[in-house]
N, C-alpha and C. Protein backbone atom coordinates (compact mmCIF):
# COMPACT_ATOMS: atom_id res chain seq x y z
N MET A 1 -27.00 10.50 5.52
CA MET A 1 -27.23 9.55 4.57
C MET A 1 -28.43 9.07 5.09
N SER A 2 -29.00 7.93 4.25
CA SER A 2 -30.51 7.18 4.72
C SER A 2 -30.18 6.06 5.24
N LYS A 3 -30.79 5.34 5.92
CA LYS A 3 -31.28 3.92 6.59
C LYS A 3 -30.12 3.15 5.19
N LEU A 4 -31.17 2.54 4.29
CA LEU A 4 -30.86 2.08 3.34
C LEU A 4 -29.37 1.70 3.11
N ILE A 5 -29.28 3.39 2.66
CA ILE A 5 -27.46 3.16 2.30
C ILE A 5 -26.56 2.98 3.46
N ASP A 6 -26.73 3.30 4.93
CA ASP A 6 -26.17 2.98 5.56
C ASP A 6 -26.22 1.71 6.31
N SER A 7 -27.27 0.89 5.92
CA SER A 7 -27.14 -0.47 6.08
C SER A 7 -26.05 -1.76 5.17
N LEU A 8 -25.43 -0.61 4.18
CA LEU A 8 -25.28 -1.84 3.19
C LEU A 8 -23.76 -1.58 3.29
N GLU A 9 -23.03 -2.64 3.06
CA GLU A 9 -21.17 -2.60 3.31
C GLU A 9 -20.93 -2.22 2.50
N THR A 10 -19.75 -1.07 2.42
CA THR A 10 -19.17 0.10 1.75
C THR A 10 -17.99 -0.12 1.42
N ASP A 11 -17.04 0.39 0.47
CA ASP A 11 -15.61 0.57 0.74
C ASP A 11 -15.70 1.82 1.34
N HIS A 12 -14.23 2.63 1.06
CA HIS A 12 -14.26 3.77 2.24
C HIS A 12 -14.91 4.86 1.32
N GLU A 13 -14.81 4.64 -0.11
CA GLU A 13 -15.19 5.51 -0.98
C GLU A 13 -17.16 5.67 -1.34
N GLY A 14 -17.37 5.02 -0.72
CA GLY A 14 -18.81 4.53 -0.73
C GLY A 14 -19.24 3.74 -2.07
N TYR A 15 -18.29 2.90 -2.37
CA TYR A 15 -18.35 1.99 -3.69
C TYR A 15 -19.01 0.80 -2.82
N LEU A 16 -20.36 -0.21 -3.62
CA LEU A 16 -20.65 -1.41 -2.75
C LEU A 16 -19.50 -2.61 -2.70
N LYS A 17 -19.36 -3.36 -1.69
CA LYS A 17 -18.61 -4.27 -1.85
C LYS A 17 -19.26 -5.47 -1.88
N ARG A 18 -20.61 -5.56 -2.27
CA ARG A 18 -21.22 -6.71 -2.97
C ARG A 18 -22.60 -6.22 -3.65
N ARG A 19 -21.86 -6.07 -5.56
CA ARG A 19 -23.22 -5.93 -6.76
C ARG A 19 -24.95 -6.66 -6.02
N SER A 20 -24.61 -7.71 -5.23
CA SER A 20 -26.00 -8.12 -5.02
C SER A 20 -26.86 -7.20 -4.45
N ASP A 21 -26.14 -5.87 -3.74
CA ASP A 21 -27.51 -5.43 -2.55
C ASP A 21 -27.55 -3.79 -3.56
N TRP A 22 -27.12 -4.27 -4.55
CA TRP A 22 -27.48 -3.47 -5.93
C TRP A 22 -29.32 -3.27 -5.95
N THR A 23 -29.93 -1.70 -5.57
CA THR A 23 -31.13 -1.67 -6.14
C THR A 23 -31.52 -0.65 -7.07
N ARG A 24 -32.68 -0.52 -8.11
CA ARG A 24 -32.62 1.11 -8.36
C ARG A 24 -32.77 2.16 -7.25
N ALA A 25 -33.86 1.59 -6.34
CA ALA A 25 -33.89 2.86 -5.25
C ALA A 25 -32.46 3.07 -4.67
N LEU A 26 -31.20 2.49 -4.39
CA LEU A 26 -30.27 2.27 -3.68
C LEU A 26 -29.45 3.34 -4.74
N ALA A 27 -30.10 3.56 -6.26
CA ALA A 27 -29.23 4.26 -6.90
C ALA A 27 -29.43 5.73 -6.94
N VAL A 28 -31.11 5.45 -6.96
CA VAL A 28 -32.00 7.09 -6.68
C VAL A 28 -31.49 7.84 -5.40
N GLU A 29 -31.52 6.56 -4.19
CA GLU A 29 -30.80 7.38 -3.10
C GLU A 29 -29.40 8.21 -3.21
N LEU A 30 -28.58 7.12 -3.57
CA LEU A 30 -27.24 8.28 -3.80
C LEU A 30 -27.29 9.14 -4.82
N ALA A 31 -27.88 9.05 -5.33
CA ALA A 31 -27.63 9.86 -6.37
C ALA A 31 -28.47 11.71 -5.65
N GLY A 32 -29.91 11.31 -4.76
CA GLY A 32 -30.45 11.99 -4.21
C GLY A 32 -29.50 12.97 -3.44
N ALA A 33 -28.23 12.35 -2.47
CA ALA A 33 -27.86 12.29 -1.76
C ALA A 33 -26.58 13.31 -2.62
N ASP A 34 -26.45 13.47 -3.20
CA ASP A 34 -25.50 14.27 -4.45
C ASP A 34 -26.05 15.52 -4.96
N GLY A 35 -27.46 15.60 -4.56
CA GLY A 35 -28.58 16.49 -5.64
C GLY A 35 -28.71 16.19 -6.45
N ILE A 36 -29.27 15.05 -7.31
CA ILE A 36 -29.22 14.62 -8.59
C ILE A 36 -30.65 13.77 -8.26
N ASP A 37 -31.46 14.53 -9.26
CA ASP A 37 -32.24 13.37 -9.66
C ASP A 37 -31.89 12.69 -10.77
N LEU A 38 -32.30 11.50 -10.92
CA LEU A 38 -31.53 10.44 -12.21
C LEU A 38 -33.40 10.52 -13.20
N HIS A 39 -32.66 10.93 -14.27
CA HIS A 39 -33.55 10.70 -15.03
C HIS A 39 -33.14 10.18 -16.55
N GLU A 40 -34.13 9.57 -17.45
CA GLU A 40 -33.67 8.69 -18.62
C GLU A 40 -32.30 8.84 -19.25
N ALA A 41 -31.63 9.86 -19.12
CA ALA A 41 -30.21 10.21 -19.83
C ALA A 41 -29.52 9.33 -18.65
N HIS A 42 -29.33 9.64 -17.41
CA HIS A 42 -28.65 8.96 -16.57
C HIS A 42 -28.70 7.20 -16.61
N TRP A 43 -30.06 6.78 -16.41
CA TRP A 43 -30.21 5.59 -16.45
C TRP A 43 -29.58 4.90 -17.76
N GLU A 44 -29.38 5.64 -19.05
CA GLU A 44 -28.74 4.69 -20.39
C GLU A 44 -27.19 4.76 -19.70
N VAL A 45 -27.10 5.77 -18.69
CA VAL A 45 -25.15 5.69 -18.75
C VAL A 45 -24.91 4.58 -17.53
N ILE A 46 -26.51 4.69 -16.41
CA ILE A 46 -25.64 3.14 -15.44
C ILE A 46 -25.94 1.81 -15.87
N ASN A 47 -27.09 1.71 -16.94
CA ASN A 47 -27.26 0.54 -17.27
C ASN A 47 -26.59 0.21 -18.64
N PHE A 48 -25.51 0.72 -19.25
CA PHE A 48 -24.30 0.71 -20.01
C PHE A 48 -23.64 0.18 -19.44
N LEU A 49 -23.21 0.68 -18.11
CA LEU A 49 -21.89 0.25 -17.41
C LEU A 49 -22.62 -1.02 -16.54
N GLN A 50 -23.30 -1.46 -16.02
CA GLN A 50 -23.95 -2.33 -15.70
C GLN A 50 -23.66 -4.09 -16.80
N GLU A 51 -23.92 -3.28 -17.80
CA GLU A 51 -23.85 -4.57 -19.17
C GLU A 51 -22.02 -4.08 -19.39
N TYR A 52 -21.95 -3.22 -19.55
CA TYR A 52 -19.82 -3.56 -19.56
C TYR A 52 -19.11 -4.04 -19.12
N TYR A 53 -20.23 -3.73 -17.60
CA TYR A 53 -19.18 -4.83 -16.31
C TYR A 53 -19.50 -6.44 -16.48
N GLU A 54 -20.90 -6.94 -16.75
CA GLU A 54 -20.90 -7.83 -17.01
C GLU A 54 -20.62 -8.69 -18.27
N ASN A 55 -20.13 -7.75 -19.34
CA ASN A 55 -19.23 -8.61 -20.37
C ASN A 55 -18.00 -8.71 -20.30
N TYR A 56 -17.11 -8.02 -19.01
CA TYR A 56 -15.59 -7.53 -19.24
C TYR A 56 -15.40 -7.46 -18.02
N ASP A 57 -15.89 -7.73 -16.71
CA ASP A 57 -15.56 -7.88 -15.22
C ASP A 57 -15.05 -6.84 -15.13
N ILE A 58 -14.86 -5.49 -15.65
CA ILE A 58 -14.43 -4.53 -14.98
C ILE A 58 -14.88 -3.16 -15.37
N ALA A 59 -14.82 -2.17 -14.73
CA ALA A 59 -15.51 -0.66 -14.74
C ALA A 59 -14.95 0.44 -15.28
N PRO A 60 -15.63 0.46 -16.99
CA PRO A 60 -14.48 1.61 -17.46
C PRO A 60 -14.03 3.02 -17.06
N ALA A 61 -12.44 3.33 -17.26
CA ALA A 61 -12.25 4.39 -17.09
C ALA A 61 -13.30 5.42 -18.09
N ILE A 62 -13.41 6.46 -17.45
CA ILE A 62 -13.72 7.18 -18.27
C ILE A 62 -13.46 7.83 -19.64
N ARG A 63 -12.08 7.28 -20.55
CA ARG A 63 -12.32 7.60 -22.01
C ARG A 63 -12.54 6.64 -22.12
N ILE A 64 -12.71 5.45 -21.37
CA ILE A 64 -13.75 4.39 -22.75
C ILE A 64 -14.91 4.53 -22.34
N LEU A 65 -15.38 4.59 -21.41
CA LEU A 65 -16.42 5.11 -21.21
C LEU A 65 -17.18 5.79 -22.19
N THR A 66 -16.34 7.07 -22.24
CA THR A 66 -17.11 8.02 -23.49
C THR A 66 -16.94 7.18 -24.93
N LYS A 67 -16.17 7.09 -24.99
CA LYS A 67 -15.73 5.46 -26.39
C LYS A 67 -17.08 5.32 -26.79
N GLN A 68 -17.32 4.24 -26.09
CA GLN A 68 -18.14 3.50 -25.37
C GLN A 68 -19.53 3.84 -25.58
N ILE A 69 -20.11 4.77 -25.28
CA ILE A 69 -21.14 5.53 -25.09
C ILE A 69 -21.83 6.18 -26.62
N GLY A 70 -20.09 6.89 -26.88
CA GLY A 70 -20.24 7.20 -28.20
C GLY A 70 -20.88 6.01 -29.56
N LYS A 71 -20.07 5.11 -28.88
CA LYS A 71 -20.26 4.04 -30.40
C LYS A 71 -21.91 3.30 -29.88
N ARG A 72 -22.51 3.36 -29.11
CA ARG A 72 -23.76 3.04 -28.81
C ARG A 72 -25.13 4.08 -29.09
N TYR A 73 -24.92 5.26 -28.55
CA TYR A 73 -25.44 6.60 -28.68
C TYR A 73 -25.49 7.79 -29.23
N GLY A 74 -24.04 7.63 -29.87
CA GLY A 74 -23.95 8.57 -31.11
C GLY A 74 -22.75 9.67 -30.07
N PRO A 75 -22.46 10.66 -31.19
CA PRO A 75 -21.50 11.82 -30.75
C PRO A 75 -22.02 12.84 -29.57
N GLU A 76 -23.08 12.50 -29.63
CA GLU A 76 -23.92 14.18 -28.76
C GLU A 76 -24.10 13.80 -27.66
N LYS A 77 -23.93 12.13 -27.44
CA LYS A 77 -23.72 11.61 -25.63
C LYS A 77 -22.50 11.07 -25.06
N GLY A 78 -21.88 10.68 -26.57
CA GLY A 78 -20.40 10.14 -26.28
C GLY A 78 -19.07 11.62 -26.15
N ASN A 79 -19.56 12.14 -25.70
CA ASN A 79 -18.29 13.48 -24.80
C ASN A 79 -18.43 13.39 -23.65
N SER A 80 -17.17 13.84 -23.43
CA SER A 80 -17.25 14.35 -21.45
C SER A 80 -18.03 15.49 -21.15
N LYS A 81 -18.38 16.59 -22.06
CA LYS A 81 -19.20 16.83 -21.43
C LYS A 81 -20.28 17.21 -21.18
N TYR A 82 -20.97 16.53 -22.47
CA TYR A 82 -22.18 15.62 -22.11
C TYR A 82 -22.59 14.86 -20.99
N LEU A 83 -21.22 14.29 -20.77
CA LEU A 83 -21.00 13.23 -19.21
C LEU A 83 -21.22 13.58 -17.97
N TYR A 84 -20.52 14.44 -18.26
CA TYR A 84 -19.85 15.81 -16.77
C TYR A 84 -20.94 16.16 -16.21
N GLU A 85 -21.87 17.08 -17.55
CA GLU A 85 -23.19 17.17 -17.41
C GLU A 85 -24.59 16.66 -16.42
N LEU A 86 -24.19 15.39 -16.71
CA LEU A 86 -25.04 14.33 -15.86
C LEU A 86 -24.25 13.90 -14.57
N PHE A 87 -23.13 13.58 -14.32
CA PHE A 87 -22.34 13.25 -13.39
C PHE A 87 -21.07 14.34 -12.81
N PRO A 88 -21.69 15.34 -12.03
CA PRO A 88 -20.89 16.00 -12.16
C PRO A 88 -19.58 15.76 -11.02
N LYS A 89 -19.41 14.77 -10.59
CA LYS A 89 -18.34 14.74 -9.50
C LYS A 89 -17.31 13.81 -10.28
N GLY A 90 -18.09 13.36 -11.30
CA GLY A 90 -17.03 12.54 -12.70
C GLY A 90 -17.78 11.07 -13.15
N PRO A 91 -17.91 11.10 -14.01
CA PRO A 91 -18.70 10.41 -15.18
C PRO A 91 -18.49 9.08 -14.94
N ALA A 92 -17.13 8.74 -14.75
CA ALA A 92 -17.22 6.97 -14.21
C ALA A 92 -17.04 7.05 -13.21
N LYS A 93 -16.80 7.99 -12.14
CA LYS A 93 -16.78 7.60 -10.68
C LYS A 93 -17.89 7.02 -10.30
N GLN A 94 -18.39 8.16 -10.58
CA GLN A 94 -20.04 8.61 -9.46
C GLN A 94 -21.26 7.71 -10.48
N ALA A 95 -21.25 7.55 -11.85
CA ALA A 95 -22.11 6.79 -12.22
C ALA A 95 -21.72 5.18 -12.08
N CYS A 96 -20.60 4.90 -11.86
CA CYS A 96 -20.19 3.68 -10.99
C CYS A 96 -20.61 3.41 -10.08
N ARG A 97 -20.94 4.15 -9.23
CA ARG A 97 -21.11 4.43 -7.97
C ARG A 97 -22.77 3.93 -7.23
N TYR A 98 -23.40 5.01 -8.52
CA TYR A 98 -24.62 4.80 -9.01
C TYR A 98 -25.11 3.34 -9.31
N ALA A 99 -24.46 3.04 -10.00
CA ALA A 99 -24.48 1.38 -10.74
C ALA A 99 -24.34 0.04 -9.96
N GLY A 100 -24.04 0.99 -8.44
CA GLY A 100 -23.47 -0.32 -7.75
C GLY A 100 -21.89 -1.49 -8.36
N LEU A 101 -21.48 -0.57 -9.08
CA LEU A 101 -20.32 -1.02 -9.61
C LEU A 101 -18.60 -0.64 -8.65
N PRO A 102 -17.88 -1.29 -9.06
CA PRO A 102 -16.26 -1.09 -8.66
C PRO A 102 -16.00 0.30 -8.93
N LYS A 103 -14.94 1.22 -7.79
CA LYS A 103 -14.63 2.15 -8.79
C LYS A 103 -13.99 1.86 -9.96
N PRO A 104 -13.79 2.42 -11.02
CA PRO A 104 -13.49 2.21 -12.28
C PRO A 104 -11.42 2.39 -12.25
N THR A 105 -10.93 1.11 -13.39
CA THR A 105 -10.09 1.02 -13.23
C THR A 105 -9.27 2.53 -13.59
N GLY A 106 -8.32 2.70 -13.26
CA GLY A 106 -7.68 4.13 -13.37
C GLY A 106 -7.64 5.35 -12.95
N CYS A 107 -8.80 5.30 -12.11
CA CYS A 107 -9.71 6.55 -11.70
C CYS A 107 -8.68 6.69 -10.29
N VAL A 108 -8.43 8.17 -9.60
CA VAL A 108 -7.78 8.27 -8.42
C VAL A 108 -8.72 8.66 -7.60
């Protein structure tokens, strides 16, 4: 891990304990540690998740994420295949971690 990642307080699964610690640079480092370069499509999902959390005070599980992404960006993006291509370790869990949000409700 990097000094930036190591300097922040996280839970045992790597989710930030304080949302205020989140930065775009942190998201880039977290993704880089997973071998992912964040592109516009990733940022759409990350930004959507942060907005969703601000509105509902909860991180959505994959089923809700897929449905809501589809409503906003269309069916070509609102499906599990597309989201797993972006976030192969689990779109809701991995994207929420990059977004500085808690683990989504209902995720194991």
